[in-house]
Amino acid sequence: MHPKIQAVSAPKVLEQNFLEARCKLLDIAAILDRMSRGDSMDVVRKDARTARILEALKILQGDSPSKAEQIQKLFSLPYDTNWEIPAPRY
């Protein structure tokens, strides 16, 4: 039998992760700033990757308890039954 796993309180999660979350958000903001200052911004605006980043930011603003799952799916390729199993590397 597994011992009962106790959930960590939301304030404790905030306390333990605030600085890391702040750092990651600043990284994303800096990337977006660099993109906006670069040339060919019209090309970047039409890029599907930019659309995914902006959609991920919308997901983060929502109330869903499964934000990580939604963002993972957003950036994942759809399953393809024709994928070949890679050969092992020796």
Protein backbone atom coordinates (compact mmCIF):
# COMPACT_ATOMS: atom_id res chain seq x y z
CA MET A 1 0.00 0.00 0.00
CA HIS A 2 1.12 3.49 -0.81
CA PRO A 3 1.02 6.08 1.92
CA LYS A 4 -1.51 8.80 1.34
CA ILE A 5 0.06 11.70 -0.54
CA GLN A 6 -0.84 15.03 0.94
CA ALA A 7 -1.31 17.98 -1.38
CA VAL A 8 0.89 20.98 -0.78
CA SER A 9 -1.07 24.12 0.04
CA ALA A 10 -1.37 26.81 -2.62
CA PRO A 11 0.43 29.41 -0.45
CA LYS A 12 3.31 26.97 0.04
CA VAL A 13 3.54 26.34 -3.72
CA LEU A 14 3.60 30.10 -4.31
CA GLU A 15 6.30 30.57 -1.69
CA GLN A 16 8.46 27.79 -3.13
CA ASN A 17 8.07 28.73 -6.80
CA PHE A 18 7.55 32.49 -7.02
CA LEU A 19 11.12 33.45 -7.91
CA GLU A 20 11.44 30.69 -10.52
CA ALA A 21 8.12 31.67 -12.13
CA ARG A 22 9.15 35.33 -12.10
CA CYS A 23 12.43 34.45 -13.81
CA LYS A 24 10.74 32.39 -16.52
CA LEU A 25 8.16 35.10 -17.20
CA LEU A 26 10.93 37.69 -17.52
CA ASP A 27 12.71 35.38 -19.98
CA ILE A 28 9.57 35.12 -22.11
CA ALA A 29 9.02 38.88 -21.97
CA ALA A 30 12.62 39.47 -23.07
CA ILE A 31 12.24 37.07 -26.00
CA LEU A 32 9.05 38.80 -27.12
CA ASP A 33 10.75 42.20 -26.75
CA ARG A 34 13.68 41.07 -28.91
CA MET A 35 11.28 39.75 -31.52
CA SER A 36 9.37 43.04 -31.64
CA ARG A 37 12.59 45.05 -32.03
CA GLY A 38 13.89 42.86 -34.85
CA ASP A 39 13.35 43.40 -38.53
CA SER A 40 10.79 41.39 -40.52
CA MET A 41 8.28 41.47 -37.65
CA ASP A 42 5.50 41.01 -40.22
CA VAL A 43 6.98 37.58 -41.03
CA VAL A 44 7.16 36.66 -37.35
CA ARG A 45 3.53 37.70 -36.78
CA LYS A 46 2.43 35.23 -39.48
CA ASP A 47 4.56 32.38 -38.10
CA ALA A 48 2.62 29.50 -36.54
CA ARG A 49 5.15 29.32 -33.70
CA THR A 50 4.34 32.90 -32.68
CA ALA A 51 0.65 32.02 -32.69
CA ARG A 52 1.35 29.06 -30.40
CA ILE A 53 3.32 31.21 -27.97
CA LEU A 54 0.49 33.75 -27.81
CA GLU A 55 -2.08 30.96 -27.36
CA ALA A 56 0.01 29.49 -24.53
CA LEU A 57 -0.02 32.88 -22.80
CA LYS A 58 -3.82 32.94 -23.08
CA ILE A 59 -3.98 29.47 -21.52
CA LEU A 60 -1.85 30.71 -18.62
CA GLN A 61 -4.37 33.50 -17.99
CA GLY A 62 -7.28 31.07 -17.78
CA ASP A 63 -8.76 29.27 -14.80
CA SER A 64 -8.11 25.71 -15.99
CA PRO A 65 -6.41 23.41 -13.46
CA SER A 66 -4.61 21.65 -16.36
CA LYS A 67 -2.63 24.50 -17.91
CA ALA A 68 0.55 22.45 -18.31
CA GLU A 69 -1.33 19.68 -20.13
CA GLN A 70 -3.03 22.15 -22.47
CA ILE A 71 0.23 23.88 -23.32
CA GLN A 72 2.01 20.55 -23.84
CA LYS A 73 -0.71 19.53 -26.31
CA LEU A 74 -0.51 22.92 -28.02
CA PHE A 75 3.19 22.39 -28.77
CA SER A 76 2.95 18.66 -29.55
CA LEU A 77 2.60 17.04 -32.93
CA PRO A 78 -0.59 15.05 -33.46
CA TYR A 79 -0.23 11.30 -33.13
CA ASP A 80 0.53 9.57 -36.40
CA THR A 81 -0.13 5.83 -36.63
CA ASN A 82 2.40 5.61 -39.48
CA TRP A 83 5.38 6.73 -37.40
CA GLU A 84 8.19 4.26 -37.57
CA ILE A 85 9.88 3.09 -34.40
CA PRO A 86 13.43 4.43 -34.51
CA ALA A 87 16.23 1.89 -34.74
CA PRO A 88 18.41 1.65 -31.64
CA ARG A 89 21.76 3.44 -31.76
CA TYR A 90 24.77 1.38 -30.79
